Each structure stands twice: as structure tokens, then as C-alpha cells.
Amino acid sequence: WHGYLPGIGPGTRYGFRVHGPYDPARGLRCNPAKLLLD
């Protein structure tokens, strides 16, 4: 997944939120409530 943001430069703090299946019994643990490190 990708995108380019003009004007965003060094020092900017960021993270990701992943929308997707959450089913630990099948090894799936996506949860957009959790901010994720790159």
C-alpha cells in the first residue's frame, strides 16, 4: 500500500492503521484502533 504526500518532510511523526480481518483463531489480528509502527 503506498502514497506520496508533497510537503511532508523530516521530523514528521506518523503511523499506520490497518483495516482488515480480526480472527485470532486463524492468526488474523488486524484492528484499526491500534496505531502501528512502520
Full PDB file with SEQRES, HELIX, SHEET, SSBOND, CRYST1, ORIGX, SCALE, CONECT and MASTER records, all heavy atoms in Angstrom:
SEQRES   1 A   38  TRP HIS GLY TYR LEU PRO GLY ILE GLY PRO GLY THR ARG          
SEQRES   2 A   38  TYR GLY PHE ARG VAL HIS GLY PRO TYR ASP PRO ALA ARG          
SEQRES   3 A   38  GLY LEU ARG CYS ASN PRO ALA LYS LEU LEU LEU ASP              
HELIX    1 AA1 PRO A   24  ARG A   26  5                                   3    
SHEET    1 AA1 2 TYR A  22  ASP A  23  0                                        
SHEET    2 AA1 2 LEU A  28  ARG A  29 -1                                        
CRYST1    1.000    1.000    1.000  90.00  90.00  90.00 P 1           1          
ORIGX1      1.000000  0.000000  0.000000        0.00000                         
ORIGX2      0.000000  1.000000  0.000000        0.00000                         
ORIGX3      0.000000  0.000000  1.000000        0.00000                         
SCALE1      1.000000  0.000000  0.000000        0.00000                         
SCALE2      0.000000  1.000000  0.000000        0.00000                         
SCALE3      0.000000  0.000000  1.000000        0.00000                         
ATOM      1  N   TRP A   1       0.859  -1.181   0.000  1.00  0.00           N  
ATOM      2  CA  TRP A   1       0.000   0.000   0.000  1.00  0.00           C  
ATOM      3  C   TRP A   1       0.895   1.230   0.000  1.00  0.00           C  
ATOM      4  O   TRP A   1       1.847   1.307   0.771  1.00  0.00           O  
ATOM      5  CB  TRP A   1      -0.898  -0.008   1.236  1.00  0.00           C  
ATOM      6  CG  TRP A   1      -1.732  -1.254   1.355  1.00  0.00           C  
ATOM      7  CD1 TRP A   1      -1.323  -2.489   1.752  1.00  0.00           C  
ATOM      8  CD2 TRP A   1      -3.120  -1.379   1.060  1.00  0.00           C  
ATOM      9  NE1 TRP A   1      -2.355  -3.388   1.729  1.00  0.00           N  
ATOM     10  CE2 TRP A   1      -3.485  -2.736   1.310  1.00  0.00           C  
ATOM     11  CE3 TRP A   1      -4.108  -0.489   0.620  1.00  0.00           C  
ATOM     12  CZ2 TRP A   1      -4.780  -3.212   1.133  1.00  0.00           C  
ATOM     13  CZ3 TRP A   1      -5.397  -0.960   0.446  1.00  0.00           C  
ATOM     14  CH2 TRP A   1      -5.727  -2.303   0.693  1.00  0.00           C  
ATOM     15  N   HIS A   2       0.576   2.219  -0.852  1.00  0.00           N  
ATOM     16  CA  HIS A   2       1.505   3.337  -0.970  1.00  0.00           C  
ATOM     17  C   HIS A   2       0.808   4.628  -1.379  1.00  0.00           C  
ATOM     18  O   HIS A   2      -0.304   4.628  -1.920  1.00  0.00           O  
ATOM     19  CB  HIS A   2       2.630   3.006  -1.961  1.00  0.00           C  
ATOM     20  CG  HIS A   2       2.154   2.591  -3.331  1.00  0.00           C  
ATOM     21  ND1 HIS A   2       1.987   3.470  -4.366  1.00  0.00           N  
ATOM     22  CD2 HIS A   2       1.821   1.359  -3.830  1.00  0.00           C  
ATOM     23  CE1 HIS A   2       1.582   2.821  -5.453  1.00  0.00           C  
ATOM     24  NE2 HIS A   2       1.472   1.530  -5.141  1.00  0.00           N  
ATOM     25  N   GLY A   3       1.503   5.730  -1.113  1.00  0.00           N  
ATOM     26  CA  GLY A   3       1.050   7.062  -1.491  1.00  0.00           C  
ATOM     27  C   GLY A   3       2.161   8.070  -1.272  1.00  0.00           C  
ATOM     28  O   GLY A   3       3.071   7.841  -0.459  1.00  0.00           O  
ATOM     29  N   TYR A   4       2.110   9.173  -2.003  1.00  0.00           N  
ATOM     30  CA  TYR A   4       3.124  10.236  -1.896  1.00  0.00           C  
ATOM     31  C   TYR A   4       2.437  11.514  -1.438  1.00  0.00           C  
ATOM     32  O   TYR A   4       1.416  11.929  -2.006  1.00  0.00           O  
ATOM     33  CB  TYR A   4       3.800  10.450  -3.250  1.00  0.00           C  
ATOM     34  CG  TYR A   4       4.858  11.527  -3.241  1.00  0.00           C  
ATOM     35  CD1 TYR A   4       6.187  11.223  -2.981  1.00  0.00           C  
ATOM     36  CD2 TYR A   4       4.524  12.858  -3.492  1.00  0.00           C  
ATOM     37  CE1 TYR A   4       7.168  12.204  -2.972  1.00  0.00           C  
ATOM     38  CE2 TYR A   4       5.486  13.858  -3.481  1.00  0.00           C  
ATOM     39  CZ  TYR A   4       6.814  13.524  -3.225  1.00  0.00           C  
ATOM     40  OH  TYR A   4       7.776  14.514  -3.207  1.00  0.00           O  
ATOM     41  N   LEU A   5       3.015  12.152  -0.400  1.00  0.00           N  
ATOM     42  CA  LEU A   5       2.452  13.383   0.136  1.00  0.00           C  
ATOM     43  C   LEU A   5       3.439  14.532  -0.065  1.00  0.00           C  
ATOM     44  O   LEU A   5       4.487  14.585   0.592  1.00  0.00           O  
ATOM     45  CB  LEU A   5       2.134  13.244   1.631  1.00  0.00           C  
ATOM     46  CG  LEU A   5       0.776  12.606   1.978  1.00  0.00           C  
ATOM     47  CD1 LEU A   5       0.726  11.149   1.568  1.00  0.00           C  
ATOM     48  CD2 LEU A   5       0.480  12.764   3.473  1.00  0.00           C  
ATOM     49  N   PRO A   6       3.139  15.448  -0.997  1.00  0.00           N  
ATOM     50  CA  PRO A   6       4.008  16.613  -1.172  1.00  0.00           C  
ATOM     51  C   PRO A   6       4.045  17.457   0.106  1.00  0.00           C  
ATOM     52  O   PRO A   6       3.046  17.570   0.831  1.00  0.00           O  
ATOM     53  CB  PRO A   6       3.337  17.381  -2.312  1.00  0.00           C  
ATOM     54  CG  PRO A   6       2.448  16.391  -2.990  1.00  0.00           C  
ATOM     55  CD  PRO A   6       2.002  15.449  -1.919  1.00  0.00           C  
ATOM     56  N   GLY A   7       5.195  18.015   0.374  1.00  0.00           N  
ATOM     57  CA  GLY A   7       5.328  18.926   1.515  1.00  0.00           C  
ATOM     58  C   GLY A   7       5.567  18.260   2.846  1.00  0.00           C  
ATOM     59  O   GLY A   7       5.862  18.932   3.839  1.00  0.00           O  
ATOM     60  N   ILE A   8       5.430  16.955   2.913  1.00  0.00           N  
ATOM     61  CA  ILE A   8       5.698  16.245   4.168  1.00  0.00           C  
ATOM     62  C   ILE A   8       7.185  15.930   4.225  1.00  0.00           C  
ATOM     63  O   ILE A   8       7.737  15.303   3.312  1.00  0.00           O  
ATOM     64  CB  ILE A   8       4.871  14.948   4.259  1.00  0.00           C  
ATOM     65  CG1 ILE A   8       3.381  15.277   4.275  1.00  0.00           C  
ATOM     66  CG2 ILE A   8       5.263  14.149   5.501  1.00  0.00           C  
ATOM     67  CD1 ILE A   8       2.939  16.122   5.453  1.00  0.00           C  
ATOM     68  N   GLY A   9       7.847  16.365   5.307  1.00  0.00           N  
ATOM     69  CA  GLY A   9       9.295  16.247   5.351  1.00  0.00           C  
ATOM     70  C   GLY A   9       9.839  15.701   6.647  1.00  0.00           C  
ATOM     71  O   GLY A   9       9.083  15.195   7.504  1.00  0.00           O  
ATOM     72  N   PRO A  10      11.146  15.796   6.824  1.00  0.00           N  
ATOM     73  CA  PRO A  10      11.812  15.241   8.008  1.00  0.00           C  
ATOM     74  C   PRO A  10      11.234  15.780   9.308  1.00  0.00           C  
ATOM     75  O   PRO A  10      10.880  16.960   9.412  1.00  0.00           O  
ATOM     76  CB  PRO A  10      13.264  15.683   7.817  1.00  0.00           C  
ATOM     77  CG  PRO A  10      13.426  15.836   6.345  1.00  0.00           C  
ATOM     78  CD  PRO A  10      12.111  16.362   5.867  1.00  0.00           C  
ATOM     79  N   GLY A  11      11.162  14.909  10.292  1.00  0.00           N  
ATOM     80  CA  GLY A  11      10.624  15.261  11.602  1.00  0.00           C  
ATOM     81  C   GLY A  11       9.156  14.942  11.755  1.00  0.00           C  
ATOM     82  O   GLY A  11       8.631  14.934  12.873  1.00  0.00           O  
ATOM     83  N   THR A  12       8.471  14.675  10.650  1.00  0.00           N  
ATOM     84  CA  THR A  12       7.052  14.327  10.709  1.00  0.00           C  
ATOM     85  C   THR A  12       6.873  12.977  11.395  1.00  0.00           C  
ATOM     86  O   THR A  12       7.523  11.992  11.059  1.00  0.00           O  
ATOM     87  CB  THR A  12       6.454  14.259   9.295  1.00  0.00           C  
ATOM     88  OG1 THR A  12       6.605  15.524   8.651  1.00  0.00           O  
ATOM     89  CG2 THR A  12       4.976  13.874   9.348  1.00  0.00           C  
ATOM     90  N   ARG A  13       5.972  12.944  12.348  1.00  0.00           N  
ATOM     91  CA  ARG A  13       5.672  11.697  13.055  1.00  0.00           C  
ATOM     92  C   ARG A  13       4.454  11.042  12.419  1.00  0.00           C  
ATOM     93  O   ARG A  13       3.484  11.722  12.078  1.00  0.00           O  
ATOM     94  CB  ARG A  13       5.431  11.959  14.531  1.00  0.00           C  
ATOM     95  CG  ARG A  13       6.641  12.550  15.256  1.00  0.00           C  
ATOM     96  CD  ARG A  13       6.394  12.681  16.735  1.00  0.00           C  
ATOM     97  NE  ARG A  13       5.237  13.533  17.013  1.00  0.00           N  
ATOM     98  CZ  ARG A  13       4.536  13.506  18.142  1.00  0.00           C  
ATOM     99  NH1 ARG A  13       4.873  12.659  19.107  1.00  0.00           N  
ATOM    100  NH2 ARG A  13       3.522  14.324  18.322  1.00  0.00           N  
ATOM    101  N   TYR A  14       4.501   9.711  12.303  1.00  0.00           N  
ATOM    102  CA  TYR A  14       3.415   9.028  11.611  1.00  0.00           C  
ATOM    103  C   TYR A  14       3.272   7.595  12.121  1.00  0.00           C  
ATOM    104  O   TYR A  14       4.120   7.087  12.871  1.00  0.00           O  
ATOM    105  CB  TYR A  14       3.656   9.023  10.096  1.00  0.00           C  
ATOM    106  CG  TYR A  14       4.791   8.122   9.639  1.00  0.00           C  
ATOM    107  CD1 TYR A  14       4.540   6.840   9.143  1.00  0.00           C  
ATOM    108  CD2 TYR A  14       6.120   8.538   9.701  1.00  0.00           C  
ATOM    109  CE1 TYR A  14       5.570   6.008   8.726  1.00  0.00           C  
ATOM    110  CE2 TYR A  14       7.157   7.717   9.281  1.00  0.00           C  
ATOM    111  CZ  TYR A  14       6.876   6.455   8.798  1.00  0.00           C  
ATOM    112  OH  TYR A  14       7.898   5.633   8.388  1.00  0.00           O  
ATOM    113  N   GLY A  15       2.204   6.959  11.704  1.00  0.00           N  
ATOM    114  CA  GLY A  15       1.952   5.552  11.982  1.00  0.00           C  
ATOM    115  C   GLY A  15       0.912   5.045  11.011  1.00  0.00           C  
ATOM    116  O   GLY A  15       0.449   5.794  10.136  1.00  0.00           O  
ATOM    117  N   PHE A  16       0.509   3.795  11.141  1.00  0.00           N  
ATOM    118  CA  PHE A  16      -0.490   3.206  10.250  1.00  0.00           C  
ATOM    119  C   PHE A  16      -1.628   2.604  11.066  1.00  0.00           C  
ATOM    120  O   PHE A  16      -1.437   2.139  12.188  1.00  0.00           O  
ATOM    121  CB  PHE A  16       0.136   2.100   9.388  1.00  0.00           C  
ATOM    122  CG  PHE A  16       1.202   2.578   8.446  1.00  0.00           C  
ATOM    123  CD1 PHE A  16       2.509   2.146   8.594  1.00  0.00           C  
ATOM    124  CD2 PHE A  16       0.902   3.455   7.412  1.00  0.00           C  
ATOM    125  CE1 PHE A  16       3.501   2.566   7.728  1.00  0.00           C  
ATOM    126  CE2 PHE A  16       1.884   3.887   6.538  1.00  0.00           C  
ATOM    127  CZ  PHE A  16       3.193   3.443   6.699  1.00  0.00           C  
ATOM    128  N   ARG A  17      -2.814   2.621  10.463  1.00  0.00           N  
ATOM    129  CA  ARG A  17      -3.960   1.877  10.996  1.00  0.00           C  
ATOM    130  C   ARG A  17      -4.437   0.935   9.897  1.00  0.00           C  
ATOM    131  O   ARG A  17      -4.634   1.354   8.750  1.00  0.00           O  
ATOM    132  CB  ARG A  17      -5.080   2.818  11.435  1.00  0.00           C  
ATOM    133  CG  ARG A  17      -4.692   3.723  12.612  1.00  0.00           C  
ATOM    134  CD  ARG A  17      -5.870   4.590  13.058  1.00  0.00           C  
ATOM    135  NE  ARG A  17      -5.471   5.563  14.086  1.00  0.00           N  
ATOM    136  CZ  ARG A  17      -5.455   5.320  15.395  1.00  0.00           C  
ATOM    137  NH1 ARG A  17      -5.832   4.119  15.833  1.00  0.00           N  
ATOM    138  NH2 ARG A  17      -5.091   6.248  16.246  1.00  0.00           N  
ATOM    139  N   VAL A  18      -4.593  -0.332  10.260  1.00  0.00           N  
ATOM    140  CA  VAL A  18      -4.907  -1.364   9.277  1.00  0.00           C  
ATOM    141  C   VAL A  18      -6.332  -1.859   9.475  1.00  0.00           C  
ATOM    142  O   VAL A  18      -6.694  -2.354  10.562  1.00  0.00           O  
ATOM    143  CB  VAL A  18      -3.914  -2.539   9.380  1.00  0.00           C  
ATOM    144  CG1 VAL A  18      -4.321  -3.665   8.438  1.00  0.00           C  
ATOM    145  CG2 VAL A  18      -2.502  -2.066   9.060  1.00  0.00           C  
ATOM    146  N   HIS A  19      -7.132  -1.724   8.417  1.00  0.00           N  
ATOM    147  CA  HIS A  19      -8.484  -2.280   8.406  1.00  0.00           C  
ATOM    148  C   HIS A  19      -8.415  -3.635   7.712  1.00  0.00           C  
ATOM    149  O   HIS A  19      -7.913  -3.746   6.592  1.00  0.00           O  
ATOM    150  CB  HIS A  19      -9.433  -1.348   7.644  1.00  0.00           C  
ATOM    151  CG  HIS A  19      -9.564   0.010   8.269  1.00  0.00           C  
ATOM    152  ND1 HIS A  19     -10.622   0.362   9.072  1.00  0.00           N  
ATOM    153  CD2 HIS A  19      -8.752   1.100   8.209  1.00  0.00           C  
ATOM    154  CE1 HIS A  19     -10.474   1.619   9.470  1.00  0.00           C  
ATOM    155  NE2 HIS A  19      -9.345   2.087   8.960  1.00  0.00           N  
ATOM    156  N   GLY A  20      -8.936  -4.653   8.386  1.00  0.00           N  
ATOM    157  CA  GLY A  20      -8.881  -5.989   7.821  1.00  0.00           C  
ATOM    158  C   GLY A  20      -9.433  -6.995   8.795  1.00  0.00           C  
ATOM    159  O   GLY A  20      -9.993  -6.645   9.848  1.00  0.00           O  
ATOM    160  N   PRO A  21      -9.299  -8.264   8.500  1.00  0.00           N  
ATOM    161  CA  PRO A  21      -9.916  -9.319   9.322  1.00  0.00           C  
ATOM    162  C   PRO A  21      -9.266  -9.447  10.689  1.00  0.00           C  
ATOM    163  O   PRO A  21      -8.044  -9.356  10.831  1.00  0.00           O  
ATOM    164  CB  PRO A  21      -9.697 -10.590   8.493  1.00  0.00           C  
ATOM    165  CG  PRO A  21      -8.507 -10.275   7.636  1.00  0.00           C  
ATOM    166  CD  PRO A  21      -8.589  -8.816   7.332  1.00  0.00           C  
ATOM    167  N   TYR A  22     -10.106  -9.637  11.685  1.00  0.00           N  
ATOM    168  CA  TYR A  22      -9.648  -9.911  13.041  1.00  0.00           C  
ATOM    169  C   TYR A  22     -10.252 -11.230  13.478  1.00  0.00           C  
ATOM    170  O   TYR A  22     -11.446 -11.331  13.768  1.00  0.00           O  
ATOM    171  CB  TYR A  22     -10.062  -8.787  13.996  1.00  0.00           C  
ATOM    172  CG  TYR A  22      -9.591  -9.010  15.421  1.00  0.00           C  
ATOM    173  CD1 TYR A  22      -8.316  -8.638  15.807  1.00  0.00           C  
ATOM    174  CD2 TYR A  22     -10.426  -9.609  16.363  1.00  0.00           C  
ATOM    175  CE1 TYR A  22      -7.865  -8.844  17.107  1.00  0.00           C  
ATOM    176  CE2 TYR A  22      -9.989  -9.820  17.674  1.00  0.00           C  
ATOM    177  CZ  TYR A  22      -8.719  -9.440  18.028  1.00  0.00           C  
ATOM    178  OH  TYR A  22      -8.271  -9.645  19.314  1.00  0.00           O  
ATOM    179  N   ASP A  23      -9.417 -12.256  13.490  1.00  0.00           N  
ATOM    180  CA  ASP A  23      -9.844 -13.593  13.893  1.00  0.00           C  
ATOM    181  C   ASP A  23      -8.607 -14.318  14.428  1.00  0.00           C  
ATOM    182  O   ASP A  23      -7.957 -15.075  13.707  1.00  0.00           O  
ATOM    183  CB  ASP A  23     -10.440 -14.345  12.705  1.00  0.00           C  
ATOM    184  CG  ASP A  23     -11.043 -15.691  13.116  1.00  0.00           C  
ATOM    185  OD1 ASP A  23     -10.898 -16.070  14.299  1.00  0.00           O  
ATOM    186  OD2 ASP A  23     -11.640 -16.363  12.253  1.00  0.00           O  
ATOM    187  N   PRO A  24      -8.264 -14.079  15.706  1.00  0.00           N  
ATOM    188  CA  PRO A  24      -7.033 -14.662  16.260  1.00  0.00           C  
ATOM    189  C   PRO A  24      -6.945 -16.168  16.092  1.00  0.00           C  
ATOM    190  O   PRO A  24      -5.847 -16.706  15.926  1.00  0.00           O  
ATOM    191  CB  PRO A  24      -7.101 -14.262  17.733  1.00  0.00           C  
ATOM    192  CG  PRO A  24      -7.903 -13.001  17.745  1.00  0.00           C  
ATOM    193  CD  PRO A  24      -8.940 -13.200  16.679  1.00  0.00           C  
ATOM    194  N   ALA A  25      -8.072 -16.863  16.104  1.00  0.00           N  
ATOM    195  CA  ALA A  25      -8.041 -18.314  15.960  1.00  0.00           C  
ATOM    196  C   ALA A  25      -7.473 -18.730  14.611  1.00  0.00           C  
ATOM    197  O   ALA A  25      -6.960 -19.841  14.464  1.00  0.00           O  
ATOM    198  CB  ALA A  25      -9.446 -18.894  16.138  1.00  0.00           C  
ATOM    199  N   ARG A  26      -7.554 -17.841  13.628  1.00  0.00           N  
ATOM    200  CA  ARG A  26      -6.985 -18.113  12.307  1.00  0.00           C  
ATOM    201  C   ARG A  26      -5.697 -17.319  12.070  1.00  0.00           C  
ATOM    202  O   ARG A  26      -5.186 -17.269  10.954  1.00  0.00           O  
ATOM    203  CB  ARG A  26      -8.005 -17.791  11.216  1.00  0.00           C  
ATOM    204  CG  ARG A  26      -9.233 -18.683  11.236  1.00  0.00           C  
ATOM    205  CD  ARG A  26     -10.040 -18.550   9.954  1.00  0.00           C  
ATOM    206  NE  ARG A  26     -10.577 -17.200   9.784  1.00  0.00           N  
ATOM    207  CZ  ARG A  26     -10.448 -16.491   8.661  1.00  0.00           C  
ATOM    208  NH1 ARG A  26      -9.789 -16.992   7.622  1.00  0.00           N  
ATOM    209  NH2 ARG A  26     -10.985 -15.285   8.578  1.00  0.00           N  
ATOM    210  N   GLY A  27      -5.183 -16.683  13.127  1.00  0.00           N  
ATOM    211  CA  GLY A  27      -3.940 -15.932  13.012  1.00  0.00           C  
ATOM    212  C   GLY A  27      -4.102 -14.552  12.427  1.00  0.00           C  
ATOM    213  O   GLY A  27      -3.113 -13.940  12.007  1.00  0.00           O  
ATOM    214  N   LEU A  28      -5.320 -14.012  12.405  1.00  0.00           N  
ATOM    215  CA  LEU A  28      -5.597 -12.698  11.819  1.00  0.00           C  
ATOM    216  C   LEU A  28      -5.853 -11.697  12.939  1.00  0.00           C  
ATOM    217  O   LEU A  28      -6.752 -11.889  13.761  1.00  0.00           O  
ATOM    218  CB  LEU A  28      -6.806 -12.780  10.894  1.00  0.00           C  
ATOM    219  CG  LEU A  28      -6.680 -13.796   9.743  1.00  0.00           C  
ATOM    220  CD1 LEU A  28      -8.015 -14.010   9.057  1.00  0.00           C  
ATOM    221  CD2 LEU A  28      -5.620 -13.331   8.750  1.00  0.00           C  
ATOM    222  N   ARG A  29      -5.092 -10.600  12.960  1.00  0.00           N  
ATOM    223  CA  ARG A  29      -5.171  -9.682  14.100  1.00  0.00           C  
ATOM    224  C   ARG A  29      -5.199  -8.212  13.668  1.00  0.00           C  
ATOM    225  O   ARG A  29      -4.610  -7.345  14.316  1.00  0.00           O  
ATOM    226  CB  ARG A  29      -3.997  -9.934  15.056  1.00  0.00           C  
ATOM    227  CG  ARG A  29      -4.045 -11.317  15.732  1.00  0.00           C  
ATOM    228  CD  ARG A  29      -2.873 -11.550  16.655  1.00  0.00           C  
ATOM    229  NE  ARG A  29      -2.919 -12.844  17.313  1.00  0.00           N  
ATOM    230  CZ  ARG A  29      -3.531 -13.089  18.480  1.00  0.00           C  
ATOM    231  NH1 ARG A  29      -4.128 -12.105  19.132  1.00  0.00           N  
ATOM    232  NH2 ARG A  29      -3.525 -14.306  19.004  1.00  0.00           N  
ATOM    233  N   CYS A  30      -5.848  -7.900  12.580  1.00  0.00           N  
ATOM    234  CA  CYS A  30      -5.983  -6.503  12.155  1.00  0.00           C  
ATOM    235  C   CYS A  30      -6.972  -5.773  13.067  1.00  0.00           C  
ATOM    236  O   CYS A  30      -8.033  -6.303  13.395  1.00  0.00           O  
ATOM    237  CB  CYS A  30      -6.471  -6.429  10.707  1.00  0.00           C  
ATOM    238  SG  CYS A  30      -5.378  -7.217   9.519  1.00  0.00           S  
ATOM    239  N   ASN A  31      -6.632  -4.553  13.442  1.00  0.00           N  
ATOM    240  CA  ASN A  31      -7.515  -3.748  14.291  1.00  0.00           C  
ATOM    241  C   ASN A  31      -7.130  -2.284  14.119  1.00  0.00           C  
ATOM    242  O   ASN A  31      -6.080  -1.856  14.599  1.00  0.00           O  
ATOM    243  CB  ASN A  31      -7.379  -4.163  15.755  1.00  0.00           C  
ATOM    244  CG  ASN A  31      -8.369  -3.447  16.667  1.00  0.00           C  
ATOM    245  OD1 ASN A  31      -8.943  -2.420  16.290  1.00  0.00           O  
ATOM    246  ND2 ASN A  31      -8.561  -3.974  17.864  1.00  0.00           N  
ATOM    247  N   PRO A  32      -7.956  -1.499  13.439  1.00  0.00           N  
ATOM    248  CA  PRO A  32      -7.601  -0.098  13.183  1.00  0.00           C  
ATOM    249  C   PRO A  32      -7.522   0.762  14.436  1.00  0.00           C  
ATOM    250  O   PRO A  32      -7.043   1.914  14.368  1.00  0.00           O  
ATOM    251  CB  PRO A  32      -8.707   0.384  12.240  1.00  0.00           C  
ATOM    252  CG  PRO A  32      -9.851  -0.550  12.490  1.00  0.00           C  
ATOM    253  CD  PRO A  32      -9.241  -1.870  12.826  1.00  0.00           C  
ATOM    254  N   ALA A  33      -7.959   0.247  15.569  1.00  0.00           N  
ATOM    255  CA  ALA A  33      -7.823   1.015  16.815  1.00  0.00           C  
ATOM    256  C   ALA A  33      -6.375   1.049  17.284  1.00  0.00           C  
ATOM    257  O   ALA A  33      -6.027   1.859  18.159  1.00  0.00           O  
ATOM    258  CB  ALA A  33      -8.709   0.410  17.903  1.00  0.00           C  
ATOM    259  N   LYS A  34      -5.550   0.193  16.738  1.00  0.00           N  
ATOM    260  CA  LYS A  34      -4.156   0.118  17.178  1.00  0.00           C  
ATOM    261  C   LYS A  34      -3.254   0.850  16.184  1.00  0.00           C  
ATOM    262  O   LYS A  34      -3.162   0.465  15.006  1.00  0.00           O  
ATOM    263  CB  LYS A  34      -3.702  -1.339  17.309  1.00  0.00           C  
ATOM    264  CG  LYS A  34      -4.636  -2.207  18.153  1.00  0.00           C  
ATOM    265  CD  LYS A  34      -4.907  -1.593  19.527  1.00  0.00           C  
ATOM    266  CE  LYS A  34      -5.997  -2.355  20.265  1.00  0.00           C  
ATOM    267  NZ  LYS A  34      -6.425  -1.657  21.515  1.00  0.00           N  
ATOM    268  N   LEU A  35      -2.626   1.915  16.655  1.00  0.00           N  
ATOM    269  CA  LEU A  35      -1.650   2.618  15.834  1.00  0.00           C  
ATOM    270  C   LEU A  35      -0.408   1.750  15.710  1.00  0.00           C  
ATOM    271  O   LEU A  35       0.104   1.239  16.710  1.00  0.00           O  
ATOM    272  CB  LEU A  35      -1.285   3.960  16.453  1.00  0.00           C  
ATOM    273  CG  LEU A  35      -0.322   4.811  15.612  1.00  0.00           C  
ATOM    274  CD1 LEU A  35      -1.047   5.394  14.408  1.00  0.00           C  
ATOM    275  CD2 LEU A  35       0.306   5.914  16.451  1.00  0.00           C  
ATOM    276  N   LEU A  36       0.082   1.585  14.487  1.00  0.00           N  
ATOM    277  CA  LEU A  36       1.188   0.661  14.227  1.00  0.00           C  
ATOM    278  C   LEU A  36       2.422   1.403  13.724  1.00  0.00           C  
ATOM    279  O   LEU A  36       2.325   2.322  12.907  1.00  0.00           O  
ATOM    280  CB  LEU A  36       0.768  -0.383  13.184  1.00  0.00           C  
ATOM    281  CG  LEU A  36      -0.496  -1.184  13.498  1.00  0.00           C  
ATOM    282  CD1 LEU A  36      -0.818  -2.116  12.339  1.00  0.00           C  
ATOM    283  CD2 LEU A  36      -0.340  -1.967  14.795  1.00  0.00           C  
ATOM    284  N   LEU A  37       3.569   0.968  14.213  1.00  0.00           N  
ATOM    285  CA  LEU A  37       4.831   1.474  13.693  1.00  0.00           C  
ATOM    286  C   LEU A  37       5.059   0.960  12.281  1.00  0.00           C  
ATOM    287  O   LEU A  37       4.667  -0.162  11.934  1.00  0.00           O  
ATOM    288  CB  LEU A  37       5.999   1.010  14.572  1.00  0.00           C  
ATOM    289  CG  LEU A  37       6.158   1.640  15.946  1.00  0.00           C  
ATOM    290  CD1 LEU A  37       7.274   0.940  16.697  1.00  0.00           C  
ATOM    291  CD2 LEU A  37       6.446   3.141  15.837  1.00  0.00           C  
ATOM    292  N   ASP A  38       5.713   1.775  11.497  1.00  0.00           N  
ATOM    293  CA  ASP A  38       6.171   1.362  10.174  1.00  0.00           C  
ATOM    294  C   ASP A  38       7.336   0.391  10.359  1.00  0.00           C  
ATOM    295  O   ASP A  38       8.336   0.738  10.990  1.00  0.00           O  
ATOM    296  CB  ASP A  38       6.632   2.600   9.400  1.00  0.00           C  
ATOM    297  CG  ASP A  38       7.149   2.281   8.005  1.00  0.00           C  
ATOM    298  OD1 ASP A  38       7.185   1.111   7.626  1.00  0.00           O  
ATOM    299  OD2 ASP A  38       7.527   3.249   7.310  1.00  0.00           O  
TER     300      ASP A  38                                                      
MASTER        0    0    0    1    2    0    0    6  299    1    0    3          
END                                                                             
